[in-house]
Structure formats: C-alpha cells, structure tokens
C-alpha cells in the first residue's frame, strides 16, 4: 500500500476482489460499511459510488486526508467536515502517518 494514491488507483486496485472476499467470509455485521459492501457485491451500487463512500468514510474517521486541488495541502476530516463526491473522485488521498506501521507502509517511500 502506498502513502498516497489517487481515486483512480483506489478504484482500480483489488477493490472488487476484497469486497467479494469479505462477503464470502460471511462477515454479517449490521454497520454502514458492511451494508455498503453487501449492496456493492450484489450490484446495487456502482464501483465509483462504492469507492467514493469508502474514501469518504476513511476521511471522516481520519484514516486518510484528501488533497482536493493540486496547489493545496492535504485536508483531514477534523479540519474540514464535508467533501462532495466529485471532490473525492478528483482528489489524491494520503494515509495518515499514524497508520503507516499497522498498514505496512514504508515511511521512506515517496508514495
């Protein structure tokens, strides 16, 4: 996993594979992400909408910051409360350094 990634990179990774794996494992929690995953796997939510919803959730809980414009710095959910779907789909995301170790992100890599 990279420190930073674009929406396109996130949407083109193994998103569909891990969504299906989660569903196959039978993780049957009644929470927002589980319901979203179930709807996506059952073709009720398009891939782009699914990825926007996941990134919005990650942003709100502080897992990722978003760079909304190329000339701006990354913003975090605690600094700016809401972002639109179109902003997310054009943004670059960055995993907060606090999570790098647990996610296996190399702190010395450029990305």
C-alpha atoms as a PDB file:
ATOM      1  CA  UNK A   1       0.000   0.000   0.000  1.00  0.00           C
ATOM      2  CA  UNK A   2       1.213   3.493  -0.825  1.00  0.00           C
ATOM      3  CA  UNK A   3       1.192   6.549   1.408  1.00  0.00           C
ATOM      4  CA  UNK A   4      -0.663   8.480  -1.291  1.00  0.00           C
ATOM      5  CA  UNK A   5      -2.979   7.351  -4.046  1.00  0.00           C
ATOM      6  CA  UNK A   6      -5.481   8.790  -6.486  1.00  0.00           C
ATOM      7  CA  UNK A   7      -9.144   7.891  -6.657  1.00  0.00           C
ATOM      8  CA  UNK A   8      -8.479   6.056  -9.906  1.00  0.00           C
ATOM      9  CA  UNK A   9      -5.738   3.987  -8.279  1.00  0.00           C
ATOM     10  CA  UNK A  10      -8.023   3.138  -5.382  1.00  0.00           C
ATOM     11  CA  UNK A  11     -10.895   2.186  -7.684  1.00  0.00           C
ATOM     12  CA  UNK A  12      -8.668   0.102  -9.959  1.00  0.00           C
ATOM     13  CA  UNK A  13      -6.938  -1.901  -7.243  1.00  0.00           C
ATOM     14  CA  UNK A  14      -8.321  -5.148  -5.945  1.00  0.00           C
ATOM     15  CA  UNK A  15     -11.425  -3.381  -4.650  1.00  0.00           C
ATOM     16  CA  UNK A  16     -13.835  -5.843  -6.217  1.00  0.00           C
ATOM     17  CA  UNK A  17     -11.784  -8.810  -5.058  1.00  0.00           C
ATOM     18  CA  UNK A  18     -11.606  -7.809  -1.415  1.00  0.00           C
ATOM     19  CA  UNK A  19     -15.257  -6.753  -1.403  1.00  0.00           C
ATOM     20  CA  UNK A  20     -16.213 -10.207  -2.623  1.00  0.00           C
ATOM     21  CA  UNK A  21     -13.850 -11.896  -0.163  1.00  0.00           C
ATOM     22  CA  UNK A  22     -15.440 -10.001   2.712  1.00  0.00           C
ATOM     23  CA  UNK A  23     -18.881 -11.082   1.553  1.00  0.00           C
ATOM     24  CA  UNK A  24     -17.792 -14.721   1.137  1.00  0.00           C
ATOM     25  CA  UNK A  25     -16.324 -14.766   4.645  1.00  0.00           C
ATOM     26  CA  UNK A  26     -19.833 -14.171   5.876  1.00  0.00           C
ATOM     27  CA  UNK A  27     -18.979 -11.160   7.983  1.00  0.00           C
ATOM     28  CA  UNK A  28     -22.542 -10.285   8.870  1.00  0.00           C
ATOM     29  CA  UNK A  29     -22.345  -7.070  10.861  1.00  0.00           C
ATOM     30  CA  UNK A  30     -25.089  -4.516  10.679  1.00  0.00           C
ATOM     31  CA  UNK A  31     -22.937  -1.452  10.160  1.00  0.00           C
ATOM     32  CA  UNK A  32     -22.592   1.099   7.397  1.00  0.00           C
ATOM     33  CA  UNK A  33     -19.541  -0.406   5.649  1.00  0.00           C
ATOM     34  CA  UNK A  34     -20.882  -3.974   5.802  1.00  0.00           C
ATOM     35  CA  UNK A  35     -24.219  -2.906   4.314  1.00  0.00           C
ATOM     36  CA  UNK A  36     -22.425  -0.882   1.633  1.00  0.00           C
ATOM     37  CA  UNK A  37     -20.206  -3.838   0.786  1.00  0.00           C
ATOM     38  CA  UNK A  38     -23.217  -6.162   0.541  1.00  0.00           C
ATOM     39  CA  UNK A  39     -25.009  -3.740  -1.779  1.00  0.00           C
ATOM     40  CA  UNK A  40     -21.897  -3.389  -3.961  1.00  0.00           C
ATOM     41  CA  UNK A  41     -21.311  -7.132  -4.251  1.00  0.00           C
ATOM     42  CA  UNK A  42     -24.951  -7.606  -5.208  1.00  0.00           C
ATOM     43  CA  UNK A  43     -24.589  -4.998  -7.995  1.00  0.00           C
ATOM     44  CA  UNK A  44     -26.825  -2.422  -6.334  1.00  0.00           C
ATOM     45  CA  UNK A  45     -24.037   0.158  -6.001  1.00  0.00           C
ATOM     46  CA  UNK A  46     -21.679   1.093  -8.871  1.00  0.00           C
ATOM     47  CA  UNK A  47     -17.928   0.771  -8.301  1.00  0.00           C
ATOM     48  CA  UNK A  48     -17.332   4.542  -8.403  1.00  0.00           C
ATOM     49  CA  UNK A  49     -20.052   5.217  -5.808  1.00  0.00           C
ATOM     50  CA  UNK A  50     -18.726   2.405  -3.614  1.00  0.00           C
ATOM     51  CA  UNK A  51     -15.188   3.798  -3.713  1.00  0.00           C
ATOM     52  CA  UNK A  52     -16.374   7.352  -3.018  1.00  0.00           C
ATOM     53  CA  UNK A  53     -18.343   6.118   0.004  1.00  0.00           C
ATOM     54  CA  UNK A  54     -15.366   4.180   1.383  1.00  0.00           C
ATOM     55  CA  UNK A  55     -12.951   7.078   0.907  1.00  0.00           C
ATOM     56  CA  UNK A  56     -15.467   9.478   2.468  1.00  0.00           C
ATOM     57  CA  UNK A  57     -15.697   7.173   5.490  1.00  0.00           C
ATOM     58  CA  UNK A  58     -11.894   6.873   5.732  1.00  0.00           C
ATOM     59  CA  UNK A  59     -11.682  10.681   5.511  1.00  0.00           C
ATOM     60  CA  UNK A  60     -14.283  11.220   8.246  1.00  0.00           C
ATOM     61  CA  UNK A  61     -12.522   8.882  10.676  1.00  0.00           C
ATOM     62  CA  UNK A  62      -9.092  10.349   9.920  1.00  0.00           C
ATOM     63  CA  UNK A  63      -7.531   7.377   8.162  1.00  0.00           C
ATOM     64  CA  UNK A  64      -6.901   9.450   5.033  1.00  0.00           C
ATOM     65  CA  UNK A  65      -6.512  13.101   4.199  1.00  0.00           C
ATOM     66  CA  UNK A  66      -7.554  14.482   0.832  1.00  0.00           C
ATOM     67  CA  UNK A  67      -5.724  16.834  -1.496  1.00  0.00           C
ATOM     68  CA  UNK A  68      -8.611  18.457  -3.312  1.00  0.00           C
ATOM     69  CA  UNK A  69      -6.580  20.750  -5.593  1.00  0.00           C
ATOM     70  CA  UNK A  70      -3.022  20.240  -6.809  1.00  0.00           C
ATOM     71  CA  UNK A  71      -1.875  23.531  -5.280  1.00  0.00           C
ATOM     72  CA  UNK A  72      -3.434  22.808  -1.865  1.00  0.00           C
ATOM     73  CA  UNK A  73      -2.149  20.724   1.020  1.00  0.00           C
ATOM     74  CA  UNK A  74      -3.940  17.653   2.345  1.00  0.00           C
ATOM     75  CA  UNK A  75      -7.003  18.306   4.494  1.00  0.00           C
ATOM     76  CA  UNK A  76      -8.268  15.950   7.169  1.00  0.00           C
ATOM     77  CA  UNK A  77     -11.788  15.224   8.339  1.00  0.00           C
ATOM     78  CA  UNK A  78     -11.230  17.049  11.609  1.00  0.00           C
ATOM     79  CA  UNK A  79     -10.267  20.223   9.715  1.00  0.00           C
ATOM     80  CA  UNK A  80     -12.976  20.285   7.074  1.00  0.00           C
ATOM     81  CA  UNK A  81     -16.174  18.436   7.814  1.00  0.00           C
ATOM     82  CA  UNK A  82     -17.648  17.673   4.410  1.00  0.00           C
ATOM     83  CA  UNK A  83     -16.436  16.895   0.922  1.00  0.00           C
ATOM     84  CA  UNK A  84     -18.553  16.261  -2.138  1.00  0.00           C
ATOM     85  CA  UNK A  85     -18.496  13.098  -4.196  1.00  0.00           C
ATOM     86  CA  UNK A  86     -16.991  14.986  -7.130  1.00  0.00           C
ATOM     87  CA  UNK A  87     -14.220  16.371  -4.893  1.00  0.00           C
ATOM     88  CA  UNK A  88     -13.407  12.867  -3.661  1.00  0.00           C
ATOM     89  CA  UNK A  89     -13.356  11.406  -7.166  1.00  0.00           C
ATOM     90  CA  UNK A  90     -10.812  14.047  -8.259  1.00  0.00           C
ATOM     91  CA  UNK A  91      -8.728  14.003  -5.067  1.00  0.00           C
ATOM     92  CA  UNK A  92      -5.449  12.443  -4.100  1.00  0.00           C
ATOM     93  CA  UNK A  93      -5.647  10.639  -0.762  1.00  0.00           C
ATOM     94  CA  UNK A  94      -2.913  10.209   1.803  1.00  0.00           C
ATOM     95  CA  UNK A  95      -2.911   7.705   4.629  1.00  0.00           C
ATOM     96  CA  UNK A  96      -2.303   9.429   7.952  1.00  0.00           C
ATOM     97  CA  UNK A  97       1.234   8.636   9.204  1.00  0.00           C
ATOM     98  CA  UNK A  98      -0.210   7.259  12.437  1.00  0.00           C
ATOM     99  CA  UNK A  99      -1.489   4.248  10.460  1.00  0.00           C
ATOM    100  CA  UNK A 100       1.577   3.560   8.291  1.00  0.00           C
ATOM    101  CA  UNK A 101       3.100   0.927  10.539  1.00  0.00           C
ATOM    102  CA  UNK A 102      -0.028  -1.136  11.043  1.00  0.00           C
ATOM    103  CA  UNK A 103      -0.776  -0.974   7.298  1.00  0.00           C
ATOM    104  CA  UNK A 104       2.775  -1.896   6.333  1.00  0.00           C
ATOM    105  CA  UNK A 105       3.500   1.402   4.603  1.00  0.00           C
ATOM    106  CA  UNK A 106       7.158   2.232   4.167  1.00  0.00           C
ATOM    107  CA  UNK A 107       7.753   5.656   5.697  1.00  0.00           C
ATOM    108  CA  UNK A 108      10.773   6.227   3.431  1.00  0.00           C
ATOM    109  CA  UNK A 109       8.925   5.660   0.161  1.00  0.00           C
ATOM    110  CA  UNK A 110       7.875   8.660  -1.889  1.00  0.00           C
ATOM    111  CA  UNK A 111       4.379   7.373  -2.433  1.00  0.00           C
END
